[in-house]
Amino acid sequence: MKQSELQIELNKFRDYVINESKKNLSKSGKGSGKLFKSINARVQANANSFEMDFIMEEYGLYQDKGVSGKERKFDTPYKYTTKAPPPKAFDKWAVKKGLAPRGANGKFTSRKSLQFALSRHIFKKGIKPSLFFTKPFETAYKKLPNQLIEKFGLDALKLFNESIYLTK
């Protein structure tokens, strides 16, 4: 396989994974924010090797793979054990979603109370895996030409686990 052919195939793979991941985020209602905009990749093909890195906000990994909570478990390497997510992480999200619950007396709940409640809920129930990135990656991998797979002896899980670079 010529280097230029390799580069073309890798670019197709990269573009498919990025586009489908962004489509999946859009379908789930999460497709306009920081995570959506951060999804990108770098591809470099050399004579005997290639390098591919997918880049996204760190929390994208947790959205994709999910996080087990104290009460509800998912098949994921991530879990909340003793520490809940910081309440302030939910401030902009709650405003964007228009969350303004009322208490028993009919008054609006304070923003701080809402953030705390969201943090506790996530701590207990976890984050259900969305696989917004995993599914397109696996689909694209299955479509890679056999010649490419044979030449480089790729292992899908190893490639997947080593190809995500997180931004902070």
N, C-alpha and C. Protein backbone atom coordinates (compact mmCIF):
# COMPACT_ATOMS: atom_id res chain seq x y z
N MET A 1 0.85 -1.18 0.00
CA MET A 1 0.00 0.00 0.00
C MET A 1 0.89 1.23 0.00
N LYS A 2 0.71 2.11 -0.93
CA LYS A 2 1.50 3.33 -1.02
C LYS A 2 1.14 4.25 0.14
N GLN A 3 2.11 5.08 0.47
CA GLN A 3 1.87 6.02 1.59
C GLN A 3 0.68 6.92 1.31
N SER A 4 0.55 7.40 0.09
CA SER A 4 -0.56 8.29 -0.21
C SER A 4 -1.90 7.57 -0.08
N GLU A 5 -1.93 6.29 -0.46
CA GLU A 5 -3.16 5.50 -0.29
C GLU A 5 -3.47 5.32 1.19
N LEU A 6 -2.42 5.08 1.96
CA LEU A 6 -2.58 4.94 3.41
C LEU A 6 -3.14 6.23 4.00
N GLN A 7 -2.57 7.35 3.62
CA GLN A 7 -3.03 8.64 4.11
C GLN A 7 -4.50 8.87 3.75
N ILE A 8 -4.87 8.53 2.53
CA ILE A 8 -6.27 8.70 2.08
C ILE A 8 -7.21 7.86 2.94
N GLU A 9 -6.86 6.59 3.17
CA GLU A 9 -7.71 5.71 3.99
C GLU A 9 -7.82 6.20 5.43
N LEU A 10 -6.70 6.64 5.96
CA LEU A 10 -6.72 7.14 7.34
C LEU A 10 -7.53 8.43 7.46
N ASN A 11 -7.44 9.28 6.46
CA ASN A 11 -8.23 10.51 6.46
C ASN A 11 -9.72 10.20 6.39
N LYS A 12 -10.09 9.20 5.57
CA LYS A 12 -11.50 8.78 5.49
C LYS A 12 -11.98 8.26 6.85
N PHE A 13 -11.14 7.44 7.48
CA PHE A 13 -11.45 6.89 8.80
C PHE A 13 -11.67 8.03 9.79
N ARG A 14 -10.71 8.96 9.86
CA ARG A 14 -10.78 10.10 10.77
C ARG A 14 -12.05 10.92 10.54
N ASP A 15 -12.31 11.27 9.28
CA ASP A 15 -13.47 12.11 8.95
C ASP A 15 -14.78 11.43 9.32
N TYR A 16 -14.88 10.13 9.04
CA TYR A 16 -16.10 9.39 9.37
C TYR A 16 -16.33 9.40 10.88
N VAL A 17 -15.29 9.08 11.65
CA VAL A 17 -15.44 9.02 13.12
C VAL A 17 -15.84 10.38 13.68
N ILE A 18 -15.19 11.43 13.24
CA ILE A 18 -15.51 12.78 13.73
C ILE A 18 -16.93 13.18 13.36
N ASN A 19 -17.30 13.01 12.09
CA ASN A 19 -18.63 13.43 11.64
C ASN A 19 -19.74 12.64 12.33
N GLU A 20 -19.58 11.34 12.43
CA GLU A 20 -20.61 10.52 13.08
C GLU A 20 -20.69 10.79 14.58
N SER A 21 -19.56 11.03 15.21
CA SER A 21 -19.56 11.36 16.64
C SER A 21 -20.33 12.66 16.88
N LYS A 22 -20.09 13.64 16.03
CA LYS A 22 -20.79 14.91 16.16
C LYS A 22 -22.28 14.75 15.87
N LYS A 23 -22.64 13.90 14.89
CA LYS A 23 -24.06 13.63 14.61
C LYS A 23 -24.72 13.01 15.84
N ASN A 24 -24.02 12.05 16.45
CA ASN A 24 -24.58 11.38 17.64
C ASN A 24 -24.78 12.38 18.78
N LEU A 25 -23.86 13.29 18.95
CA LEU A 25 -24.03 14.31 19.99
C LEU A 25 -25.22 15.21 19.67
N SER A 26 -25.37 15.56 18.41
CA SER A 26 -26.49 16.42 18.00
C SER A 26 -27.82 15.74 18.26
N LYS A 27 -27.91 14.45 17.95
CA LYS A 27 -29.15 13.68 18.17
C LYS A 27 -29.51 13.62 19.65
N SER A 28 -28.48 13.60 20.50
CA SER A 28 -28.73 13.48 21.93
C SER A 28 -28.98 14.82 22.60
N GLY A 29 -28.92 15.90 21.81
CA GLY A 29 -29.15 17.23 22.37
C GLY A 29 -27.90 17.85 22.97
N LYS A 30 -26.75 17.23 22.74
CA LYS A 30 -25.50 17.74 23.31
C LYS A 30 -24.59 18.27 22.20
N GLY A 31 -25.16 18.57 21.05
CA GLY A 31 -24.37 18.86 19.88
C GLY A 31 -24.06 20.30 19.57
N SER A 32 -24.00 21.17 20.52
CA SER A 32 -23.67 22.55 20.18
C SER A 32 -22.63 23.15 21.11
N GLY A 33 -22.21 22.39 22.09
CA GLY A 33 -21.34 22.95 23.10
C GLY A 33 -19.87 22.69 22.90
N LYS A 34 -19.19 22.81 24.00
CA LYS A 34 -17.74 22.73 24.04
C LYS A 34 -17.23 21.35 23.57
N LEU A 35 -17.89 20.29 24.00
CA LEU A 35 -17.49 18.94 23.59
C LEU A 35 -17.60 18.77 22.09
N PHE A 36 -18.72 19.16 21.53
CA PHE A 36 -18.97 19.06 20.10
C PHE A 36 -17.87 19.77 19.31
N LYS A 37 -17.54 20.97 19.74
CA LYS A 37 -16.54 21.77 19.03
C LYS A 37 -15.12 21.24 19.22
N SER A 38 -14.89 20.50 20.29
CA SER A 38 -13.53 20.04 20.59
C SER A 38 -13.14 18.76 19.84
N ILE A 39 -14.09 18.03 19.29
CA ILE A 39 -13.77 16.76 18.64
C ILE A 39 -12.96 17.00 17.37
N ASN A 40 -11.78 16.42 17.35
CA ASN A 40 -10.87 16.58 16.23
C ASN A 40 -9.92 15.39 16.20
N ALA A 41 -9.03 15.35 15.21
CA ALA A 41 -8.05 14.28 15.12
C ALA A 41 -6.82 14.73 14.36
N ARG A 42 -5.72 14.07 14.66
CA ARG A 42 -4.47 14.28 13.93
C ARG A 42 -4.08 12.94 13.32
N VAL A 43 -3.66 12.97 12.06
CA VAL A 43 -3.24 11.76 11.36
C VAL A 43 -1.90 12.03 10.70
N GLN A 44 -0.98 11.10 10.90
CA GLN A 44 0.31 11.21 10.24
C GLN A 44 0.72 9.83 9.78
N ALA A 45 0.92 9.67 8.48
CA ALA A 45 1.34 8.39 7.91
C ALA A 45 2.81 8.46 7.54
N ASN A 46 3.57 7.46 7.95
CA ASN A 46 4.99 7.34 7.60
C ASN A 46 5.17 6.07 6.78
N ALA A 47 6.38 5.80 6.35
CA ALA A 47 6.65 4.64 5.50
C ALA A 47 6.26 3.32 6.17
N ASN A 48 6.59 3.15 7.45
CA ASN A 48 6.34 1.87 8.13
C ASN A 48 5.39 1.99 9.31
N SER A 49 4.79 3.13 9.48
CA SER A 49 3.90 3.29 10.63
C SER A 49 2.97 4.48 10.38
N PHE A 50 2.02 4.62 11.28
CA PHE A 50 1.18 5.81 11.25
C PHE A 50 0.79 6.17 12.66
N GLU A 51 0.38 7.40 12.82
CA GLU A 51 -0.06 7.89 14.12
C GLU A 51 -1.39 8.60 13.94
N MET A 52 -2.33 8.27 14.81
CA MET A 52 -3.64 8.91 14.77
C MET A 52 -4.08 9.20 16.19
N ASP A 53 -4.43 10.45 16.43
CA ASP A 53 -4.90 10.87 17.75
C ASP A 53 -6.24 11.55 17.61
N PHE A 54 -7.22 11.09 18.38
CA PHE A 54 -8.50 11.78 18.45
C PHE A 54 -8.45 12.67 19.68
N ILE A 55 -8.96 13.88 19.52
CA ILE A 55 -8.88 14.89 20.56
C ILE A 55 -10.29 15.34 20.92
N MET A 56 -10.55 15.47 22.21
CA MET A 56 -11.83 16.00 22.68
C MET A 56 -11.68 16.46 24.12
N GLU A 57 -12.66 17.20 24.59
CA GLU A 57 -12.69 17.60 25.99
C GLU A 57 -12.67 16.34 26.87
N GLU A 58 -12.04 16.44 28.01
CA GLU A 58 -11.89 15.28 28.89
C GLU A 58 -13.22 14.63 29.25
N TYR A 59 -14.22 15.44 29.53
CA TYR A 59 -15.50 14.87 29.96
C TYR A 59 -16.18 14.09 28.84
N GLY A 60 -15.72 14.25 27.61
CA GLY A 60 -16.27 13.48 26.50
C GLY A 60 -16.05 11.99 26.69
N LEU A 61 -14.93 11.64 27.28
CA LEU A 61 -14.63 10.23 27.55
C LEU A 61 -15.67 9.65 28.51
N TYR A 62 -16.04 10.43 29.52
CA TYR A 62 -17.03 9.97 30.51
C TYR A 62 -18.43 9.93 29.90
N GLN A 63 -18.73 10.87 29.00
CA GLN A 63 -20.02 10.85 28.31
C GLN A 63 -20.10 9.60 27.42
N ASP A 64 -19.00 9.28 26.76
CA ASP A 64 -18.97 8.14 25.85
C ASP A 64 -19.02 6.82 26.60
N LYS A 65 -18.12 6.62 27.52
CA LYS A 65 -17.99 5.34 28.24
C LYS A 65 -18.94 5.21 29.42
N GLY A 66 -19.43 6.35 29.93
CA GLY A 66 -20.30 6.33 31.09
C GLY A 66 -19.50 6.26 32.38
N VAL A 67 -20.20 6.48 33.49
CA VAL A 67 -19.59 6.43 34.82
C VAL A 67 -20.59 5.75 35.75
N SER A 68 -20.16 4.73 36.45
CA SER A 68 -21.03 4.06 37.41
C SER A 68 -21.22 4.94 38.63
N GLY A 69 -22.44 4.97 39.12
CA GLY A 69 -22.73 5.71 40.34
C GLY A 69 -22.71 4.77 41.53
N LYS A 70 -23.04 5.31 42.69
CA LYS A 70 -23.08 4.48 43.91
C LYS A 70 -24.23 3.48 43.86
N GLU A 71 -25.36 3.85 43.24
CA GLU A 71 -26.54 2.98 43.23
C GLU A 71 -26.75 2.26 41.90
N ARG A 72 -26.32 2.86 40.81
CA ARG A 72 -26.56 2.27 39.49
C ARG A 72 -25.21 2.02 38.81
N LYS A 73 -25.01 0.79 38.35
CA LYS A 73 -23.72 0.39 37.77
C LYS A 73 -23.84 0.23 36.25
N PHE A 74 -22.77 0.58 35.57
CA PHE A 74 -22.67 0.40 34.12
C PHE A 74 -21.38 -0.35 33.82
N ASP A 75 -21.30 -0.92 32.63
CA ASP A 75 -20.09 -1.62 32.20
C ASP A 75 -19.10 -0.57 31.70
N THR A 76 -18.34 -0.01 32.62
CA THR A 76 -17.42 1.08 32.32
C THR A 76 -16.24 1.03 33.29
N PRO A 77 -15.09 1.50 32.88
CA PRO A 77 -13.96 1.53 33.81
C PRO A 77 -14.04 2.68 34.82
N TYR A 78 -15.02 3.56 34.67
CA TYR A 78 -15.11 4.74 35.52
C TYR A 78 -16.25 4.60 36.52
N LYS A 79 -16.00 5.09 37.75
CA LYS A 79 -17.05 5.02 38.77
C LYS A 79 -16.83 6.09 39.83
N TYR A 80 -17.94 6.51 40.40
CA TYR A 80 -17.89 7.41 41.55
C TYR A 80 -17.84 6.52 42.78
N THR A 81 -16.87 6.75 43.65
CA THR A 81 -16.76 5.93 44.84
C THR A 81 -16.97 6.77 46.11
N THR A 82 -16.19 7.81 46.27
CA THR A 82 -16.29 8.61 47.49
C THR A 82 -16.52 10.09 47.20
N LYS A 83 -16.25 10.50 46.00
CA LYS A 83 -16.30 11.93 45.68
C LYS A 83 -17.28 12.19 44.54
N ALA A 84 -18.21 13.11 44.78
CA ALA A 84 -19.19 13.49 43.74
C ALA A 84 -18.56 14.54 42.83
N PRO A 85 -19.12 14.71 41.62
CA PRO A 85 -18.60 15.77 40.75
C PRO A 85 -18.85 17.13 41.40
N PRO A 86 -18.02 18.12 41.10
CA PRO A 86 -18.20 19.43 41.73
C PRO A 86 -19.51 20.08 41.29
N PRO A 87 -20.30 20.56 42.23
CA PRO A 87 -21.59 21.18 41.89
C PRO A 87 -21.48 22.31 40.87
N LYS A 88 -20.42 23.10 40.94
CA LYS A 88 -20.28 24.24 40.03
C LYS A 88 -20.18 23.79 38.56
N ALA A 89 -19.84 22.52 38.33
CA ALA A 89 -19.74 22.01 36.96
C ALA A 89 -21.10 22.00 36.26
N PHE A 90 -22.18 22.09 37.04
CA PHE A 90 -23.53 22.02 36.48
C PHE A 90 -24.18 23.39 36.31
N ASP A 91 -23.48 24.45 36.67
CA ASP A 91 -24.06 25.79 36.63
C ASP A 91 -24.50 26.19 35.22
N LYS A 92 -23.58 26.25 34.28
CA LYS A 92 -23.91 26.67 32.92
C LYS A 92 -24.87 25.69 32.26
N TRP A 93 -24.68 24.41 32.54
CA TRP A 93 -25.54 23.39 31.95
C TRP A 93 -26.99 23.59 32.39
N ALA A 94 -27.20 23.83 33.69
CA ALA A 94 -28.56 24.01 34.21
C ALA A 94 -29.22 25.25 33.62
N VAL A 95 -28.46 26.32 33.46
CA VAL A 95 -28.99 27.55 32.87
C VAL A 95 -29.35 27.30 31.41
N LYS A 96 -28.45 26.64 30.68
CA LYS A 96 -28.68 26.35 29.26
C LYS A 96 -29.93 25.48 29.05
N LYS A 97 -30.15 24.56 29.98
CA LYS A 97 -31.32 23.67 29.89
C LYS A 97 -32.59 24.32 30.44
N GLY A 98 -32.44 25.49 31.03
CA GLY A 98 -33.60 26.19 31.56
C GLY A 98 -34.18 25.56 32.81
N LEU A 99 -33.35 24.91 33.59
CA LEU A 99 -33.82 24.26 34.81
C LEU A 99 -34.04 25.31 35.90
N ALA A 100 -35.23 25.34 36.40
CA ALA A 100 -35.57 26.26 37.48
C ALA A 100 -36.68 25.62 38.32
N PRO A 101 -36.36 24.55 39.05
CA PRO A 101 -37.38 23.86 39.83
C PRO A 101 -37.86 24.69 41.03
N ARG A 102 -39.05 24.37 41.44
CA ARG A 102 -39.64 25.05 42.59
C ARG A 102 -39.65 24.10 43.78
N GLY A 103 -39.50 24.67 44.96
CA GLY A 103 -39.56 23.90 46.19
C GLY A 103 -41.00 23.62 46.60
N ALA A 104 -41.19 23.00 47.75
CA ALA A 104 -42.51 22.65 48.25
C ALA A 104 -43.38 23.89 48.47
N ASN A 105 -42.77 25.01 48.80
CA ASN A 105 -43.51 26.24 49.06
C ASN A 105 -43.82 27.04 47.79
N GLY A 106 -43.40 26.53 46.63
CA GLY A 106 -43.68 27.19 45.36
C GLY A 106 -42.62 28.17 44.90
N LYS A 107 -41.62 28.41 45.76
CA LYS A 107 -40.54 29.34 45.39
C LYS A 107 -39.49 28.60 44.56
N PHE A 108 -38.82 29.36 43.71
CA PHE A 108 -37.74 28.77 42.93
C PHE A 108 -36.61 28.32 43.84
N THR A 109 -36.02 27.20 43.51
CA THR A 109 -34.87 26.68 44.25
C THR A 109 -33.65 27.53 43.89
N SER A 110 -32.78 27.76 44.84
CA SER A 110 -31.57 28.55 44.56
C SER A 110 -30.68 27.79 43.57
N ARG A 111 -29.89 28.54 42.85
CA ARG A 111 -28.99 27.95 41.86
C ARG A 111 -28.00 26.99 42.52
N LYS A 112 -27.53 27.39 43.68
CA LYS A 112 -26.56 26.57 44.42
C LYS A 112 -27.20 25.24 44.85
N SER A 113 -28.43 25.30 45.29
CA SER A 113 -29.15 24.07 45.70
C SER A 113 -29.37 23.16 44.50
N LEU A 114 -29.71 23.74 43.37
CA LEU A 114 -29.91 22.96 42.15
C LEU A 114 -28.62 22.28 41.73
N GLN A 115 -27.51 23.01 41.76
CA GLN A 115 -26.22 22.44 41.40
C GLN A 115 -25.86 21.28 42.32
N PHE A 116 -26.09 21.46 43.61
CA PHE A 116 -25.80 20.41 44.58
C PHE A 116 -26.67 19.17 44.31
N ALA A 117 -27.95 19.39 44.04
CA ALA A 117 -28.87 18.28 43.77
C ALA A 117 -28.44 17.50 42.51
N LEU A 118 -28.03 18.23 41.48
CA LEU A 118 -27.56 17.57 40.26
C LEU A 118 -26.30 16.76 40.52
N SER A 119 -25.39 17.32 41.30
CA SER A 119 -24.15 16.63 41.65
C SER A 119 -24.44 15.34 42.41
N ARG A 120 -25.33 15.42 43.38
CA ARG A 120 -25.70 14.23 44.18
C ARG A 120 -26.38 13.16 43.31
N HIS A 121 -27.24 13.62 42.40
CA HIS A 121 -27.93 12.69 41.50
C HIS A 121 -26.92 11.93 40.63
N ILE A 122 -25.99 12.65 40.04
CA ILE A 122 -24.97 12.03 39.20
C ILE A 122 -24.10 11.09 40.03
N PHE A 123 -23.76 11.49 41.24
CA PHE A 123 -22.96 10.65 42.13
C PHE A 123 -23.67 9.32 42.40
N LYS A 124 -24.97 9.37 42.66
CA LYS A 124 -25.72 8.16 42.97
C LYS A 124 -26.06 7.34 41.73
N LYS A 125 -26.54 8.00 40.70
CA LYS A 125 -27.05 7.28 39.52
C LYS A 125 -26.01 7.10 38.41
N GLY A 126 -24.93 7.88 38.44
CA GLY A 126 -23.90 7.77 37.42
C GLY A 126 -24.30 8.42 36.10
N ILE A 127 -23.52 8.16 35.08
CA ILE A 127 -23.76 8.68 33.74
C ILE A 127 -23.86 7.49 32.80
N LYS A 128 -25.00 7.33 32.18
CA LYS A 128 -25.22 6.21 31.27
C LYS A 128 -24.31 6.36 30.05
N PRO A 129 -23.63 5.27 29.63
CA PRO A 129 -22.78 5.37 28.44
C PRO A 129 -23.59 5.77 27.21
N SER A 130 -23.08 6.74 26.46
CA SER A 130 -23.77 7.16 25.24
C SER A 130 -23.14 6.52 24.01
N LEU A 131 -21.87 6.16 24.11
CA LEU A 131 -21.11 5.56 23.00
C LEU A 131 -21.14 6.43 21.75
N PHE A 132 -21.27 7.74 21.94
CA PHE A 132 -21.33 8.67 20.80
C PHE A 132 -20.05 8.59 19.97
N PHE A 133 -18.93 8.25 20.58
CA PHE A 133 -17.66 8.13 19.88
C PHE A 133 -17.32 6.67 19.57
N THR A 134 -17.55 5.79 20.51
CA THR A 134 -17.18 4.38 20.37
C THR A 134 -17.84 3.72 19.18
N LYS A 135 -19.14 3.93 19.00
CA LYS A 135 -19.86 3.28 17.89
C LYS A 135 -19.31 3.69 16.52
N PRO A 136 -19.13 4.99 16.24
CA PRO A 136 -18.55 5.36 14.94
C PRO A 136 -17.13 4.82 14.76
N PHE A 137 -16.35 4.82 15.84
CA PHE A 137 -14.98 4.32 15.75
C PHE A 137 -14.98 2.85 15.36
N GLU A 138 -15.79 2.06 16.04
CA GLU A 138 -15.84 0.62 15.74
C GLU A 138 -16.39 0.35 14.35
N THR A 139 -17.39 1.10 13.94
CA THR A 139 -17.96 0.94 12.59
C THR A 139 -16.91 1.26 11.53
N ALA A 140 -16.20 2.36 11.72
CA ALA A 140 -15.17 2.76 10.75
C ALA A 140 -14.03 1.75 10.73
N TYR A 141 -13.68 1.22 11.89
CA TYR A 141 -12.60 0.24 11.96
C TYR A 141 -12.94 -1.01 11.15
N LYS A 142 -14.20 -1.45 11.27
CA LYS A 142 -14.63 -2.64 10.53
C LYS A 142 -14.58 -2.43 9.02
N LYS A 143 -14.66 -1.17 8.59
CA LYS A 143 -14.64 -0.85 7.16
C LYS A 143 -13.23 -0.62 6.61
N LEU A 144 -12.24 -0.57 7.50
CA LEU A 144 -10.87 -0.36 7.02
C LEU A 144 -10.50 -1.48 6.05
N PRO A 145 -9.79 -1.16 5.00
CA PRO A 145 -9.38 -2.19 4.05
C PRO A 145 -8.53 -3.27 4.73
N ASN A 146 -8.77 -4.53 4.36
CA ASN A 146 -8.02 -5.64 4.94
C ASN A 146 -6.52 -5.47 4.75
N GLN A 147 -6.13 -4.91 3.63
CA GLN A 147 -4.72 -4.67 3.34
C GLN A 147 -4.09 -3.80 4.42
N LEU A 148 -4.81 -2.78 4.83
CA LEU A 148 -4.31 -1.87 5.86
C LEU A 148 -4.21 -2.59 7.19
N ILE A 149 -5.21 -3.35 7.53
CA ILE A 149 -5.23 -4.09 8.80
C ILE A 149 -4.10 -5.12 8.82
N GLU A 150 -3.92 -5.86 7.73
CA GLU A 150 -2.88 -6.87 7.67
C GLU A 150 -1.49 -6.24 7.73
N LYS A 151 -1.29 -5.15 7.00
CA LYS A 151 0.03 -4.51 6.94
C LYS A 151 0.49 -4.03 8.31
N PHE A 152 -0.41 -3.47 9.06
CA PHE A 152 -0.02 -2.89 10.34
C PHE A 152 -0.41 -3.76 11.53
N GLY A 153 -1.08 -4.89 11.31
CA GLY A 153 -1.44 -5.78 12.40
C GLY A 153 -2.18 -5.05 13.51
N LEU A 154 -3.19 -4.29 13.13
CA LEU A 154 -3.89 -3.47 14.10
C LEU A 154 -4.75 -4.29 15.05
N ASP A 155 -4.79 -3.83 16.27
CA ASP A 155 -5.70 -4.38 17.26
C ASP A 155 -6.68 -3.26 17.61
N ALA A 156 -7.96 -3.46 17.34
CA ALA A 156 -8.95 -2.38 17.49
C ALA A 156 -8.96 -1.78 18.89
N LEU A 157 -8.98 -2.63 19.89
CA LEU A 157 -9.05 -2.11 21.26
C LEU A 157 -7.81 -1.30 21.60
N LYS A 158 -6.64 -1.82 21.23
CA LYS A 158 -5.40 -1.11 21.51
C LYS A 158 -5.38 0.23 20.77
N LEU A 159 -5.75 0.23 19.50
CA LEU A 159 -5.78 1.46 18.71
C LEU A 159 -6.74 2.46 19.34
N PHE A 160 -7.92 1.98 19.71
CA PHE A 160 -8.94 2.85 20.30
C PHE A 160 -8.44 3.47 21.60
N ASN A 161 -7.91 2.63 22.47
CA ASN A 161 -7.47 3.12 23.78
C ASN A 161 -6.28 4.06 23.70
N GLU A 162 -5.46 3.90 22.69
CA GLU A 162 -4.27 4.73 22.57
C GLU A 162 -4.49 5.95 21.69
N SER A 163 -5.64 6.06 21.04
CA SER A 163 -5.81 7.13 20.07
C SER A 163 -6.59 8.33 20.59
N ILE A 164 -7.04 8.31 21.81
CA ILE A 164 -7.81 9.44 22.34
C ILE A 164 -6.89 10.33 23.16
N TYR A 165 -6.86 11.58 22.78
CA TYR A 165 -6.08 12.58 23.50
C TYR A 165 -7.10 13.57 24.07
N LEU A 166 -7.02 13.81 25.34
CA LEU A 166 -8.02 14.65 25.99
C LEU A 166 -7.49 16.05 26.19
N THR A 167 -8.33 17.04 25.92
CA THR A 167 -7.97 18.42 26.20
C THR A 167 -8.49 18.80 27.56
N LYS A 168 -7.85 19.71 28.19
CA LYS A 168 -8.31 20.13 29.53
C LYS A 168 -8.61 21.59 29.54
